[in-house]
Amino acid sequence: MIRKFLTERRSWILLVIVLQLLTLSVAYLDAEIPMDSLLYIVFLSTMIFVIFLVARYHKETRFYKNLEEWEPHLDITDLAEGQRPFERITRDLLLEQTQRLKEEAAHNRIALEEEKDYLLSWIHEVKTPLTAMHLMLERIEDETLKTQLTYEWLRIHLLLDQQLHQKRIPSMENDMFVEQLDLKPLLIGEIRTLRSWCMQKGIGFDVDLQVAEVLSDAKWLAFILRQLLTNAVKYSEKGDISVKSYARGDHTVLEVRDQGRGIDPRDLPRIFDRGFTSTTKHHEDKATGMGLYLAHKAARSLHIRIDVESRPGAGTTASLIFPQQNEFIQIQGG
C-alpha cells in the first residue's frame, strides 16, 4: 500500500523536489543570499513535507485498505465509511452497483425458479403419455418390433428421469427422508425397468446381498442405483452384471460390477465431471455424460461415497459406501 500511495502522490513529491532544487539554484546564482540559512530552510521544509506525507498516508489509505481487504459480495455494510469526497463517491457508486446487482440476482432467481417449475411440470405431463405408450407396447405381438420400441421408450424414460432429478438436486435436502431401507425390492424394481434392454443384449444379473438393509433415502438411492445399473448395461455386451452388498468395517458397501469394455485410466479421474463422456469413444452418441455426474451429486448429499475401479477390456466396478449409523444426524442436517 505504501508503494501505491507514493505512486499516487508522485506528482506532488516531484513538485516539492523541483521547488527545493529551484530555491537552491537561486541561492547558488545569487551570492547575496546566504546559502547556509537557505539549506536550513530547505531541510526543515523537507522534513515537514515527509511528516505530512506520513500523516496523510495513514489518513488517506484507511478507506482503501478496508476496500482492498473487503470480500467481494452483495453486502457492503462492513465497508468503512468514506471521510473524503472521492471516498464517498466511491462508496456511493459501490452501493448503487450492489443494489442493482441484488435486484438482478433476485430477478434471475425468480426466472430460474419459474423455468424449473415449468420444466418439472412439462416432464410430469410427458410421463403420462409415456406410461400409456408402455401399456400399448405390451400388446404388440411382433417380438422384434416390440423389443426395439421398448428400448427406445426406455431411453426416453431414462433421459426424462435424469432431467427431473437434475432439477431437483439443488433442493434435494428438502426432499429427503432417511430411513432403514431393504435393498432387495429397490434393486429388483430398477432391474425390472431395464429388463427389456438386458434381454436384447443378453445380459443377466447376479444379486448377492449379504447386508440387506442400509440407511438412506429410498427415492434418491433408487436414482443413484439407476445410473450405475444403466451404465453397466450400456457398456456391457452379454455376460452377467454382479450386484452384491457386504460389510467393510463399520460401513456397508454395495457393488455393481460389469464385464464391459471398461474405462481408460486417463478418463477415470473425470468420470464424475459434468458432460464428460470419453476421450476414446467420441462417436458414442448415446452418452450424455450426465448420469454419473448427477449420481455423484446426489450421493454426496446422502454422504454416500462412490468409488469406481476399472480396466480397459476387464469391466468396471462401482461401489457405494454408505455412512455409519451415527452419521444419521449429519445426513438429516444436510
C-alpha atoms as a PDB file:
ATOM      1  CA  MET A   1       0.000   0.000   0.000  1.00  0.00           C
ATOM      2  CA  ILE A   2       2.941   2.394   0.700  1.00  0.00           C
ATOM      3  CA  ARG A   3       4.249   1.979  -2.829  1.00  0.00           C
ATOM      4  CA  LYS A   4       0.761   2.577  -4.264  1.00  0.00           C
ATOM      5  CA  PHE A   5       0.355   5.714  -2.139  1.00  0.00           C
ATOM      6  CA  LEU A   6       3.733   7.129  -3.237  1.00  0.00           C
ATOM      7  CA  THR A   7       2.884   6.338  -6.861  1.00  0.00           C
ATOM      8  CA  GLU A   8      -0.453   8.119  -6.476  1.00  0.00           C
ATOM      9  CA  ARG A   9       1.265  11.183  -4.931  1.00  0.00           C
ATOM     10  CA  ARG A  10       4.232  11.093  -7.295  1.00  0.00           C
ATOM     11  CA  SER A  11       3.362  14.413  -8.950  1.00  0.00           C
ATOM     12  CA  TRP A  12       3.203  16.176  -5.540  1.00  0.00           C
ATOM     13  CA  ILE A  13       6.544  14.719  -4.481  1.00  0.00           C
ATOM     14  CA  LEU A  14       8.170  15.714  -7.779  1.00  0.00           C
ATOM     15  CA  LEU A  15       6.737  19.229  -7.439  1.00  0.00           C
ATOM     16  CA  VAL A  16       8.220  19.669  -3.935  1.00  0.00           C
ATOM     17  CA  ILE A  17      11.609  18.337  -5.102  1.00  0.00           C
ATOM     18  CA  VAL A  18      11.639  20.714  -8.081  1.00  0.00           C
ATOM     19  CA  LEU A  19      10.754  23.692  -5.847  1.00  0.00           C
ATOM     20  CA  GLN A  20      13.515  22.813  -3.394  1.00  0.00           C
ATOM     21  CA  LEU A  21      16.058  22.488  -6.199  1.00  0.00           C
ATOM     22  CA  LEU A  22      14.856  25.772  -7.666  1.00  0.00           C
ATOM     23  CA  THR A  23      15.345  27.507  -4.326  1.00  0.00           C
ATOM     24  CA  LEU A  24      18.868  26.113  -4.013  1.00  0.00           C
ATOM     25  CA  SER A  25      19.658  27.144  -7.604  1.00  0.00           C
ATOM     26  CA  VAL A  26      18.569  30.732  -6.937  1.00  0.00           C
ATOM     27  CA  ALA A  27      20.764  30.847  -3.820  1.00  0.00           C
ATOM     28  CA  TYR A  28      23.683  29.442  -5.754  1.00  0.00           C
ATOM     29  CA  LEU A  29      23.346  32.041  -8.517  1.00  0.00           C
ATOM     30  CA  ASP A  30      22.741  34.983  -6.158  1.00  0.00           C
ATOM     31  CA  ALA A  31      25.740  35.433  -3.868  1.00  0.00           C
ATOM     32  CA  GLU A  32      23.840  37.859  -1.623  1.00  0.00           C
ATOM     33  CA  ILE A  33      21.502  35.077  -0.425  1.00  0.00           C
ATOM     34  CA  PRO A  34      23.151  33.160   2.459  1.00  0.00           C
ATOM     35  CA  MET A  35      23.468  29.535   1.411  1.00  0.00           C
ATOM     36  CA  ASP A  36      23.633  28.133   4.969  1.00  0.00           C
ATOM     37  CA  SER A  37      20.353  29.686   6.017  1.00  0.00           C
ATOM     38  CA  LEU A  38      18.666  28.579   2.849  1.00  0.00           C
ATOM     39  CA  LEU A  39      19.940  25.000   3.286  1.00  0.00           C
ATOM     40  CA  TYR A  40      18.469  25.018   6.802  1.00  0.00           C
ATOM     41  CA  ILE A  41      15.113  26.223   5.468  1.00  0.00           C
ATOM     42  CA  VAL A  42      15.141  23.586   2.715  1.00  0.00           C
ATOM     43  CA  PHE A  43      15.962  20.877   5.254  1.00  0.00           C
ATOM     44  CA  LEU A  44      13.172  21.959   7.604  1.00  0.00           C
ATOM     45  CA  SER A  45      10.611  22.220   4.835  1.00  0.00           C
ATOM     46  CA  THR A  46      11.626  18.771   3.512  1.00  0.00           C
ATOM     47  CA  MET A  47      11.219  17.217   6.965  1.00  0.00           C
ATOM     48  CA  ILE A  48       7.822  18.878   7.389  1.00  0.00           C
ATOM     49  CA  PHE A  49       6.772  17.538   3.973  1.00  0.00           C
ATOM     50  CA  VAL A  50       7.909  13.997   4.925  1.00  0.00           C
ATOM     51  CA  ILE A  51       5.940  14.186   8.202  1.00  0.00           C
ATOM     52  CA  PHE A  52       2.981  15.496   6.225  1.00  0.00           C
ATOM     53  CA  LEU A  53       3.213  12.540   3.814  1.00  0.00           C
ATOM     54  CA  VAL A  54       3.332  10.026   6.693  1.00  0.00           C
ATOM     55  CA  ALA A  55       0.288  11.603   8.344  1.00  0.00           C
ATOM     56  CA  ARG A  56      -1.648  11.736   5.091  1.00  0.00           C
ATOM     57  CA  TYR A  57      -0.699   8.153   4.283  1.00  0.00           C
ATOM     58  CA  HIS A  58      -2.439   6.797   7.369  1.00  0.00           C
ATOM     59  CA  LYS A  59      -5.458   9.014   6.859  1.00  0.00           C
ATOM     60  CA  GLU A  60      -5.920   8.636   3.109  1.00  0.00           C
ATOM     61  CA  THR A  61      -5.278   4.901   2.857  1.00  0.00           C
ATOM     62  CA  ARG A  62      -7.594   3.792   5.689  1.00  0.00           C
ATOM     63  CA  PHE A  63     -10.624   3.571   3.398  1.00  0.00           C
ATOM     64  CA  TYR A  64      -8.736   1.911   0.543  1.00  0.00           C
ATOM     65  CA  LYS A  65      -7.097  -0.638   2.869  1.00  0.00           C
ATOM     66  CA  ASN A  66     -10.554  -1.613   4.044  1.00  0.00           C
ATOM     67  CA  LEU A  67     -11.724  -1.775   0.410  1.00  0.00           C
ATOM     68  CA  GLU A  68      -8.741  -3.957  -0.522  1.00  0.00           C
ATOM     69  CA  GLU A  69      -9.497  -6.409   2.330  1.00  0.00           C
ATOM     70  CA  TRP A  70     -13.230  -6.431   1.598  1.00  0.00           C
ATOM     71  CA  GLU A  71     -14.573  -9.747   0.334  1.00  0.00           C
ATOM     72  CA  PRO A  72     -16.487  -9.095  -2.921  1.00  0.00           C
ATOM     73  CA  HIS A  73     -20.132  -9.912  -2.206  1.00  0.00           C
ATOM     74  CA  LEU A  74     -23.506  -8.191  -2.232  1.00  0.00           C
ATOM     75  CA  ASP A  75     -23.233  -6.855   1.316  1.00  0.00           C
ATOM     76  CA  ILE A  76     -21.070  -3.778   1.876  1.00  0.00           C
ATOM     77  CA  THR A  77     -22.262  -2.914   5.385  1.00  0.00           C
ATOM     78  CA  ASP A  78     -18.800  -3.860   6.686  1.00  0.00           C
ATOM     79  CA  LEU A  79     -17.131  -1.427   4.280  1.00  0.00           C
ATOM     80  CA  ALA A  80     -15.641   1.662   6.001  1.00  0.00           C
ATOM     81  CA  GLU A  81     -17.425   4.987   5.654  1.00  0.00           C
ATOM     82  CA  GLY A  82     -15.713   7.429   3.300  1.00  0.00           C
ATOM     83  CA  GLN A  83     -14.285  10.514   5.041  1.00  0.00           C
ATOM     84  CA  ARG A  84     -13.167  12.395   1.953  1.00  0.00           C
ATOM     85  CA  PRO A  85     -15.192  13.433  -1.128  1.00  0.00           C
ATOM     86  CA  PHE A  86     -13.649  10.895  -3.524  1.00  0.00           C
ATOM     87  CA  GLU A  87     -14.023   8.112  -0.935  1.00  0.00           C
ATOM     88  CA  ARG A  88     -17.709   8.974  -0.519  1.00  0.00           C
ATOM     89  CA  ILE A  89     -18.163   8.947  -4.307  1.00  0.00           C
ATOM     90  CA  THR A  90     -16.526   5.504  -4.471  1.00  0.00           C
ATOM     91  CA  ARG A  91     -18.693   4.109  -1.666  1.00  0.00           C
ATOM     92  CA  ASP A  92     -21.892   5.577  -3.125  1.00  0.00           C
ATOM     93  CA  LEU A  93     -21.129   4.042  -6.513  1.00  0.00           C
ATOM     94  CA  LEU A  94     -20.457   0.668  -4.876  1.00  0.00           C
ATOM     95  CA  LEU A  95     -23.757   0.926  -3.001  1.00  0.00           C
ATOM     96  CA  GLU A  96     -25.623   1.765  -6.192  1.00  0.00           C
ATOM     97  CA  GLN A  97     -23.964  -1.032  -8.173  1.00  0.00           C
ATOM     98  CA  THR A  98     -24.541  -3.538  -5.356  1.00  0.00           C
ATOM     99  CA  GLN A  99     -28.214  -2.644  -5.155  1.00  0.00           C
ATOM    100  CA  ARG A 100     -28.554  -3.080  -8.917  1.00  0.00           C
ATOM    101  CA  LEU A 101     -26.821  -6.476  -8.751  1.00  0.00           C
ATOM    102  CA  LYS A 102     -29.104  -7.555  -5.901  1.00  0.00           C
ATOM    103  CA  GLU A 103     -32.163  -6.653  -7.947  1.00  0.00           C
ATOM    104  CA  GLU A 104     -30.806  -8.511 -10.999  1.00  0.00           C
ATOM    105  CA  ALA A 105     -29.925 -11.552  -8.865  1.00  0.00           C
ATOM    106  CA  ALA A 106     -33.430 -11.602  -7.368  1.00  0.00           C
ATOM    107  CA  HIS A 107     -34.970 -11.280 -10.848  1.00  0.00           C
ATOM    108  CA  ASN A 108     -32.780 -14.086 -12.228  1.00  0.00           C
ATOM    109  CA  ARG A 109     -33.572 -16.296  -9.229  1.00  0.00           C
ATOM    110  CA  ILE A 110     -37.300 -15.855  -9.802  1.00  0.00           C
ATOM    111  CA  ALA A 111     -36.869 -16.543 -13.527  1.00  0.00           C
ATOM    112  CA  LEU A 112     -34.871 -19.717 -12.821  1.00  0.00           C
ATOM    113  CA  GLU A 113     -37.481 -20.937 -10.333  1.00  0.00           C
ATOM    114  CA  GLU A 114     -40.245 -20.313 -12.863  1.00  0.00           C
ATOM    115  CA  GLU A 115     -38.286 -22.148 -15.558  1.00  0.00           C
ATOM    116  CA  LYS A 116     -37.612 -25.029 -13.155  1.00  0.00           C
ATOM    117  CA  ASP A 117     -41.302 -25.273 -12.204  1.00  0.00           C
ATOM    118  CA  TYR A 118     -42.311 -25.192 -15.878  1.00  0.00           C
ATOM    119  CA  LEU A 119     -39.803 -27.913 -16.806  1.00  0.00           C
ATOM    120  CA  LEU A 120     -40.849 -30.147 -13.898  1.00  0.00           C
ATOM    121  CA  SER A 121     -44.491 -29.689 -14.878  1.00  0.00           C
ATOM    122  CA  TRP A 122     -43.661 -30.494 -18.508  1.00  0.00           C
ATOM    123  CA  ILE A 123     -41.767 -33.667 -17.517  1.00  0.00           C
ATOM    124  CA  HIS A 124     -44.694 -34.872 -15.434  1.00  0.00           C
ATOM    125  CA  GLU A 125     -47.057 -34.143 -18.330  1.00  0.00           C
ATOM    126  CA  VAL A 126     -44.852 -36.115 -20.746  1.00  0.00           C
ATOM    127  CA  LYS A 127     -44.712 -39.078 -18.372  1.00  0.00           C
ATOM    128  CA  THR A 128     -48.467 -39.609 -18.734  1.00  0.00           C
ATOM    129  CA  PRO A 129     -48.401 -40.437 -22.487  1.00  0.00           C
ATOM    130  CA  LEU A 130     -45.180 -42.410 -21.919  1.00  0.00           C
ATOM    131  CA  THR A 131     -46.995 -44.619 -19.427  1.00  0.00           C
ATOM    132  CA  ALA A 132     -49.850 -45.092 -21.885  1.00  0.00           C
ATOM    133  CA  MET A 133     -47.316 -45.864 -24.629  1.00  0.00           C
ATOM    134  CA  HIS A 134     -45.709 -48.545 -22.456  1.00  0.00           C
ATOM    135  CA  LEU A 135     -49.087 -50.230 -21.969  1.00  0.00           C
ATOM    136  CA  MET A 136     -49.633 -50.167 -25.750  1.00  0.00           C
ATOM    137  CA  LEU A 137     -46.206 -51.722 -26.336  1.00  0.00           C
ATOM    138  CA  GLU A 138     -47.191 -54.684 -24.182  1.00  0.00           C
ATOM    139  CA  ARG A 139     -49.951 -55.515 -26.703  1.00  0.00           C
ATOM    140  CA  ILE A 140     -47.625 -55.674 -29.724  1.00  0.00           C
ATOM    141  CA  GLU A 141     -47.327 -59.274 -30.967  1.00  0.00           C
ATOM    142  CA  ASP A 142     -44.233 -58.822 -33.135  1.00  0.00           C
ATOM    143  CA  GLU A 143     -41.491 -59.520 -30.575  1.00  0.00           C
ATOM    144  CA  THR A 144     -38.692 -57.939 -32.630  1.00  0.00           C
ATOM    145  CA  LEU A 145     -40.620 -54.716 -33.125  1.00  0.00           C
ATOM    146  CA  LYS A 146     -41.773 -54.783 -29.516  1.00  0.00           C
ATOM    147  CA  THR A 147     -38.207 -55.114 -28.249  1.00  0.00           C
ATOM    148  CA  GLN A 148     -36.929 -52.276 -30.427  1.00  0.00           C
ATOM    149  CA  LEU A 149     -39.770 -49.922 -29.472  1.00  0.00           C
ATOM    150  CA  THR A 150     -39.453 -50.811 -25.790  1.00  0.00           C
ATOM    151  CA  TYR A 151     -35.738 -49.988 -25.910  1.00  0.00           C
ATOM    152  CA  GLU A 152     -36.415 -46.575 -27.442  1.00  0.00           C
ATOM    153  CA  TRP A 153     -39.194 -45.989 -24.891  1.00  0.00           C
ATOM    154  CA  LEU A 154     -36.745 -46.849 -22.116  1.00  0.00           C
ATOM    155  CA  ARG A 155     -34.171 -44.373 -23.437  1.00  0.00           C
ATOM    156  CA  ILE A 156     -36.760 -41.571 -23.384  1.00  0.00           C
ATOM    157  CA  HIS A 157     -37.906 -42.621 -19.921  1.00  0.00           C
ATOM    158  CA  LEU A 158     -34.348 -42.590 -18.514  1.00  0.00           C
ATOM    159  CA  LEU A 159     -33.497 -39.229 -20.104  1.00  0.00           C
ATOM    160  CA  LEU A 160     -36.638 -37.656 -18.664  1.00  0.00           C
ATOM    161  CA  ASP A 161     -35.822 -39.177 -15.295  1.00  0.00           C
ATOM    162  CA  GLN A 162     -32.323 -37.685 -15.411  1.00  0.00           C
ATOM    163  CA  GLN A 163     -33.715 -34.261 -16.282  1.00  0.00           C
ATOM    164  CA  LEU A 164     -36.270 -34.475 -13.477  1.00  0.00           C
ATOM    165  CA  HIS A 165     -33.671 -35.322 -10.843  1.00  0.00           C
ATOM    166  CA  GLN A 166     -31.199 -32.789 -12.210  1.00  0.00           C
ATOM    167  CA  LYS A 167     -33.702 -30.034 -11.458  1.00  0.00           C
ATOM    168  CA  ARG A 168     -34.465 -31.459  -8.015  1.00  0.00           C
ATOM    169  CA  ILE A 169     -30.876 -31.969  -6.832  1.00  0.00           C
ATOM    170  CA  PRO A 170     -30.208 -28.333  -5.751  1.00  0.00           C
ATOM    171  CA  SER A 171     -33.053 -28.630  -3.225  1.00  0.00           C
ATOM    172  CA  MET A 172     -32.844 -32.357  -2.519  1.00  0.00           C
ATOM    173  CA  GLU A 173     -32.182 -31.765   1.201  1.00  0.00           C
ATOM    174  CA  ASN A 174     -35.827 -30.660   1.426  1.00  0.00           C
ATOM    175  CA  ASP A 175     -36.931 -33.808  -0.413  1.00  0.00           C
ATOM    176  CA  MET A 176     -35.174 -36.473   1.675  1.00  0.00           C
ATOM    177  CA  PHE A 177     -36.499 -38.958   4.194  1.00  0.00           C
ATOM    178  CA  VAL A 178     -33.665 -41.029   5.640  1.00  0.00           C
ATOM    179  CA  GLU A 179     -34.648 -44.456   6.933  1.00  0.00           C
ATOM    180  CA  GLN A 180     -33.588 -48.100   7.053  1.00  0.00           C
ATOM    181  CA  LEU A 181     -34.153 -49.461   3.559  1.00  0.00           C
ATOM    182  CA  ASP A 182     -34.459 -53.002   2.297  1.00  0.00           C
ATOM    183  CA  LEU A 183     -32.082 -53.172  -0.665  1.00  0.00           C
ATOM    184  CA  LYS A 184     -33.668 -56.148  -2.425  1.00  0.00           C
ATOM    185  CA  PRO A 185     -37.018 -54.627  -3.543  1.00  0.00           C
ATOM    186  CA  LEU A 186     -35.202 -51.419  -4.504  1.00  0.00           C
ATOM    187  CA  LEU A 187     -32.767 -53.334  -6.719  1.00  0.00           C
ATOM    188  CA  ILE A 188     -35.405 -55.632  -8.182  1.00  0.00           C
ATOM    189  CA  GLY A 189     -37.510 -52.632  -9.190  1.00  0.00           C
ATOM    190  CA  GLU A 190     -34.620 -50.987 -11.030  1.00  0.00           C
ATOM    191  CA  ILE A 191     -33.552 -54.246 -12.702  1.00  0.00           C
ATOM    192  CA  ARG A 192     -37.123 -54.895 -13.822  1.00  0.00           C
ATOM    193  CA  THR A 193     -37.203 -51.469 -15.515  1.00  0.00           C
ATOM    194  CA  LEU A 194     -34.119 -52.438 -17.554  1.00  0.00           C
ATOM    195  CA  ARG A 195     -35.362 -55.960 -18.289  1.00  0.00           C
ATOM    196  CA  SER A 196     -36.196 -55.488 -21.990  1.00  0.00           C
ATOM    197  CA  TRP A 197     -32.861 -53.800 -22.661  1.00  0.00           C
ATOM    198  CA  CYS A 198     -30.999 -56.587 -20.851  1.00  0.00           C
ATOM    199  CA  MET A 199     -32.866 -59.274 -22.783  1.00  0.00           C
ATOM    200  CA  GLN A 200     -31.987 -57.545 -26.049  1.00  0.00           C
ATOM    201  CA  LYS A 201     -28.265 -57.550 -25.135  1.00  0.00           C
ATOM    202  CA  GLY A 202     -28.240 -60.964 -23.466  1.00  0.00           C
ATOM    203  CA  ILE A 203     -27.310 -59.595 -20.057  1.00  0.00           C
ATOM    204  CA  GLY A 204     -28.318 -61.139 -16.728  1.00  0.00           C
ATOM    205  CA  PHE A 205     -27.953 -60.083 -13.098  1.00  0.00           C
ATOM    206  CA  ASP A 206     -26.327 -61.956 -10.221  1.00  0.00           C
ATOM    207  CA  VAL A 207     -27.579 -60.452  -6.948  1.00  0.00           C
ATOM    208  CA  ASP A 208     -25.964 -61.373  -3.622  1.00  0.00           C
ATOM    209  CA  LEU A 209     -26.969 -59.163  -0.694  1.00  0.00           C
ATOM    210  CA  GLN A 210     -25.048 -60.160   2.430  1.00  0.00           C
ATOM    211  CA  VAL A 211     -26.214 -56.930   4.064  1.00  0.00           C
ATOM    212  CA  ALA A 212     -29.900 -56.469   3.314  1.00  0.00           C
ATOM    213  CA  GLU A 213     -30.526 -53.016   4.806  1.00  0.00           C
ATOM    214  CA  VAL A 214     -28.878 -49.615   4.526  1.00  0.00           C
ATOM    215  CA  LEU A 215     -29.567 -46.162   5.932  1.00  0.00           C
ATOM    216  CA  SER A 216     -30.606 -43.810   3.120  1.00  0.00           C
ATOM    217  CA  ASP A 217     -33.428 -42.134   1.198  1.00  0.00           C
ATOM    218  CA  ALA A 218     -35.398 -44.558  -0.993  1.00  0.00           C
ATOM    219  CA  LYS A 219     -36.131 -42.215  -3.907  1.00  0.00           C
ATOM    220  CA  TRP A 220     -32.625 -40.794  -4.256  1.00  0.00           C
ATOM    221  CA  LEU A 221     -30.864 -44.096  -3.646  1.00  0.00           C
ATOM    222  CA  ALA A 222     -33.021 -45.635  -6.400  1.00  0.00           C
ATOM    223  CA  PHE A 223     -31.919 -42.827  -8.719  1.00  0.00           C
ATOM    224  CA  ILE A 224     -28.233 -43.450  -7.930  1.00  0.00           C
ATOM    225  CA  LEU A 225     -28.618 -47.196  -8.493  1.00  0.00           C
ATOM    226  CA  ARG A 226     -30.474 -46.492 -11.741  1.00  0.00           C
ATOM    227  CA  GLN A 227     -27.480 -44.560 -13.096  1.00  0.00           C
ATOM    228  CA  LEU A 228     -24.974 -47.256 -12.087  1.00  0.00           C
ATOM    229  CA  LEU A 229     -27.088 -50.105 -13.480  1.00  0.00           C
ATOM    230  CA  THR A 230     -27.825 -48.185 -16.686  1.00  0.00           C
ATOM    231  CA  ASN A 231     -24.116 -47.573 -17.236  1.00  0.00           C
ATOM    232  CA  ALA A 232     -23.328 -51.222 -16.527  1.00  0.00           C
ATOM    233  CA  VAL A 233     -25.882 -52.398 -19.107  1.00  0.00           C
ATOM    234  CA  LYS A 234     -24.974 -49.719 -21.664  1.00  0.00           C
ATOM    235  CA  TYR A 235     -21.285 -50.632 -21.764  1.00  0.00           C
ATOM    236  CA  SER A 236     -21.670 -54.421 -21.483  1.00  0.00           C
ATOM    237  CA  GLU A 237     -22.060 -56.988 -24.233  1.00  0.00           C
ATOM    238  CA  LYS A 238     -23.605 -60.166 -22.833  1.00  0.00           C
ATOM    239  CA  GLY A 239     -22.368 -61.666 -19.570  1.00  0.00           C
ATOM    240  CA  ASP A 240     -23.802 -61.132 -16.093  1.00  0.00           C
ATOM    241  CA  ILE A 241     -23.747 -57.969 -14.029  1.00  0.00           C
ATOM    242  CA  SER A 242     -22.903 -58.725 -10.415  1.00  0.00           C
ATOM    243  CA  VAL A 243     -24.618 -56.755  -7.655  1.00  0.00           C
ATOM    244  CA  LYS A 244     -23.590 -57.554  -4.102  1.00  0.00           C
ATOM    245  CA  SER A 245     -23.556 -55.923  -0.690  1.00  0.00           C
ATOM    246  CA  TYR A 246     -21.282 -56.662   2.244  1.00  0.00           C
ATOM    247  CA  ALA A 247     -19.873 -55.116   5.393  1.00  0.00           C
ATOM    248  CA  ARG A 248     -16.491 -53.414   5.307  1.00  0.00           C
ATOM    249  CA  GLY A 249     -15.595 -52.405   8.828  1.00  0.00           C
ATOM    250  CA  ASP A 250     -18.391 -50.172  10.108  1.00  0.00           C
ATOM    251  CA  HIS A 251     -19.648 -49.390   6.604  1.00  0.00           C
ATOM    252  CA  THR A 252     -21.956 -51.180   4.188  1.00  0.00           C
ATOM    253  CA  VAL A 253     -20.708 -51.470   0.606  1.00  0.00           C
ATOM    254  CA  LEU A 254     -22.901 -52.102  -2.435  1.00  0.00           C
ATOM    255  CA  GLU A 255     -21.003 -53.120  -5.581  1.00  0.00           C
ATOM    256  CA  VAL A 256     -22.183 -53.102  -9.195  1.00  0.00           C
ATOM    257  CA  ARG A 257     -19.674 -54.990 -11.360  1.00  0.00           C
ATOM    258  CA  ASP A 258     -19.959 -55.442 -15.107  1.00  0.00           C
ATOM    259  CA  GLN A 259     -17.856 -57.258 -17.690  1.00  0.00           C
ATOM    260  CA  GLY A 260     -17.965 -54.464 -20.244  1.00  0.00           C
ATOM    261  CA  ARG A 261     -15.332 -52.553 -22.132  1.00  0.00           C
ATOM    262  CA  GLY A 262     -14.005 -50.752 -19.044  1.00  0.00           C
ATOM    263  CA  ILE A 263     -12.719 -47.208 -18.683  1.00  0.00           C
ATOM    264  CA  ASP A 264      -9.431 -45.810 -19.910  1.00  0.00           C
ATOM    265  CA  PRO A 265      -7.149 -44.920 -16.934  1.00  0.00           C
ATOM    266  CA  ARG A 266      -6.834 -41.315 -18.140  1.00  0.00           C
ATOM    267  CA  ASP A 267     -10.640 -40.976 -18.143  1.00  0.00           C
ATOM    268  CA  LEU A 268     -11.189 -42.428 -14.664  1.00  0.00           C
ATOM    269  CA  PRO A 269     -10.500 -39.225 -12.666  1.00  0.00           C
ATOM    270  CA  ARG A 270     -13.007 -37.315 -14.831  1.00  0.00           C
ATOM    271  CA  ILE A 271     -15.979 -39.664 -14.944  1.00  0.00           C
ATOM    272  CA  PHE A 272     -17.927 -37.568 -12.405  1.00  0.00           C
ATOM    273  CA  ASP A 273     -17.391 -34.329 -14.348  1.00  0.00           C
ATOM    274  CA  ARG A 274     -20.453 -32.727 -15.867  1.00  0.00           C
ATOM    275  CA  GLY A 275     -20.911 -33.714 -19.519  1.00  0.00           C
ATOM    276  CA  PHE A 276     -17.764 -35.879 -19.684  1.00  0.00           C
ATOM    277  CA  THR A 277     -18.182 -38.992 -21.827  1.00  0.00           C
ATOM    278  CA  SER A 278     -14.902 -40.444 -23.075  1.00  0.00           C
ATOM    279  CA  THR A 279     -11.649 -39.447 -24.738  1.00  0.00           C
ATOM    280  CA  THR A 280     -11.527 -42.639 -26.775  1.00  0.00           C
ATOM    281  CA  LYS A 281     -15.151 -43.153 -27.880  1.00  0.00           C
ATOM    282  CA  HIS A 282     -16.052 -39.791 -29.380  1.00  0.00           C
ATOM    283  CA  HIS A 283     -18.517 -41.464 -31.710  1.00  0.00           C
ATOM    284  CA  GLU A 284     -20.628 -42.632 -28.732  1.00  0.00           C
ATOM    285  CA  ASP A 285     -23.709 -40.546 -29.451  1.00  0.00           C
ATOM    286  CA  LYS A 286     -25.883 -42.241 -26.810  1.00  0.00           C
ATOM    287  CA  ALA A 287     -23.833 -40.944 -23.871  1.00  0.00           C
ATOM    288  CA  THR A 288     -24.767 -37.615 -22.283  1.00  0.00           C
ATOM    289  CA  GLY A 289     -22.109 -37.546 -19.568  1.00  0.00           C
ATOM    290  CA  MET A 290     -24.778 -36.636 -17.002  1.00  0.00           C
ATOM    291  CA  GLY A 291     -25.591 -39.957 -15.317  1.00  0.00           C
ATOM    292  CA  LEU A 292     -22.535 -40.365 -13.103  1.00  0.00           C
ATOM    293  CA  TYR A 293     -22.323 -36.611 -12.552  1.00  0.00           C
ATOM    294  CA  LEU A 294     -25.858 -36.494 -11.137  1.00  0.00           C
ATOM    295  CA  ALA A 295     -25.390 -39.740  -9.199  1.00  0.00           C
ATOM    296  CA  HIS A 296     -22.247 -38.339  -7.596  1.00  0.00           C
ATOM    297  CA  LYS A 297     -24.003 -35.099  -6.608  1.00  0.00           C
ATOM    298  CA  ALA A 298     -26.953 -36.975  -5.109  1.00  0.00           C
ATOM    299  CA  ALA A 299     -24.652 -39.410  -3.296  1.00  0.00           C
ATOM    300  CA  ARG A 300     -22.676 -36.568  -1.787  1.00  0.00           C
ATOM    301  CA  SER A 301     -25.838 -35.113  -0.234  1.00  0.00           C
ATOM    302  CA  LEU A 302     -26.603 -38.547   1.237  1.00  0.00           C
ATOM    303  CA  HIS A 303     -22.992 -38.857   2.485  1.00  0.00           C
ATOM    304  CA  ILE A 304     -22.527 -41.899   0.262  1.00  0.00           C
ATOM    305  CA  ARG A 305     -19.095 -42.282  -1.315  1.00  0.00           C
ATOM    306  CA  ILE A 306     -18.869 -43.655  -4.855  1.00  0.00           C
ATOM    307  CA  ASP A 307     -15.660 -45.468  -5.791  1.00  0.00           C
ATOM    308  CA  VAL A 308     -15.066 -46.688  -9.341  1.00  0.00           C
ATOM    309  CA  GLU A 309     -12.408 -49.191 -10.378  1.00  0.00           C
ATOM    310  CA  SER A 310     -11.924 -50.209 -13.988  1.00  0.00           C
ATOM    311  CA  ARG A 311      -9.532 -51.592 -16.542  1.00  0.00           C
ATOM    312  CA  PRO A 312      -9.990 -51.452 -20.315  1.00  0.00           C
ATOM    313  CA  GLY A 313     -11.480 -54.725 -21.505  1.00  0.00           C
ATOM    314  CA  ALA A 314     -11.895 -56.084 -17.955  1.00  0.00           C
ATOM    315  CA  GLY A 315     -15.092 -54.350 -16.868  1.00  0.00           C
ATOM    316  CA  THR A 316     -15.944 -51.757 -14.238  1.00  0.00           C
ATOM    317  CA  THR A 317     -16.801 -51.960 -10.549  1.00  0.00           C
ATOM    318  CA  ALA A 318     -18.771 -49.107  -8.994  1.00  0.00           C
ATOM    319  CA  SER A 319     -19.054 -49.199  -5.187  1.00  0.00           C
ATOM    320  CA  LEU A 320     -21.471 -47.287  -2.984  1.00  0.00           C
ATOM    321  CA  ILE A 321     -20.049 -46.892   0.527  1.00  0.00           C
ATOM    322  CA  PHE A 322     -22.851 -45.985   2.911  1.00  0.00           C
ATOM    323  CA  PRO A 323     -22.432 -43.811   6.009  1.00  0.00           C
ATOM    324  CA  GLN A 324     -22.341 -45.254   9.510  1.00  0.00           C
ATOM    325  CA  GLN A 325     -25.384 -45.333  11.739  1.00  0.00           C
ATOM    326  CA  ASN A 326     -24.069 -42.499  13.914  1.00  0.00           C
ATOM    327  CA  GLU A 327     -23.965 -40.201  10.866  1.00  0.00           C
ATOM    328  CA  PHE A 328     -27.768 -40.154  10.725  1.00  0.00           C
ATOM    329  CA  ILE A 329     -27.988 -36.729  12.372  1.00  0.00           C
ATOM    330  CA  GLN A 330     -25.414 -35.324   9.926  1.00  0.00           C
ATOM    331  CA  ILE A 331     -27.465 -36.580   6.971  1.00  0.00           C
ATOM    332  CA  GLN A 332     -30.669 -35.150   8.374  1.00  0.00           C
ATOM    333  CA  GLY A 333     -28.954 -31.808   8.913  1.00  0.00           C
ATOM    334  CA  GLY A 334     -27.643 -31.769   5.308  1.00  0.00           C
END
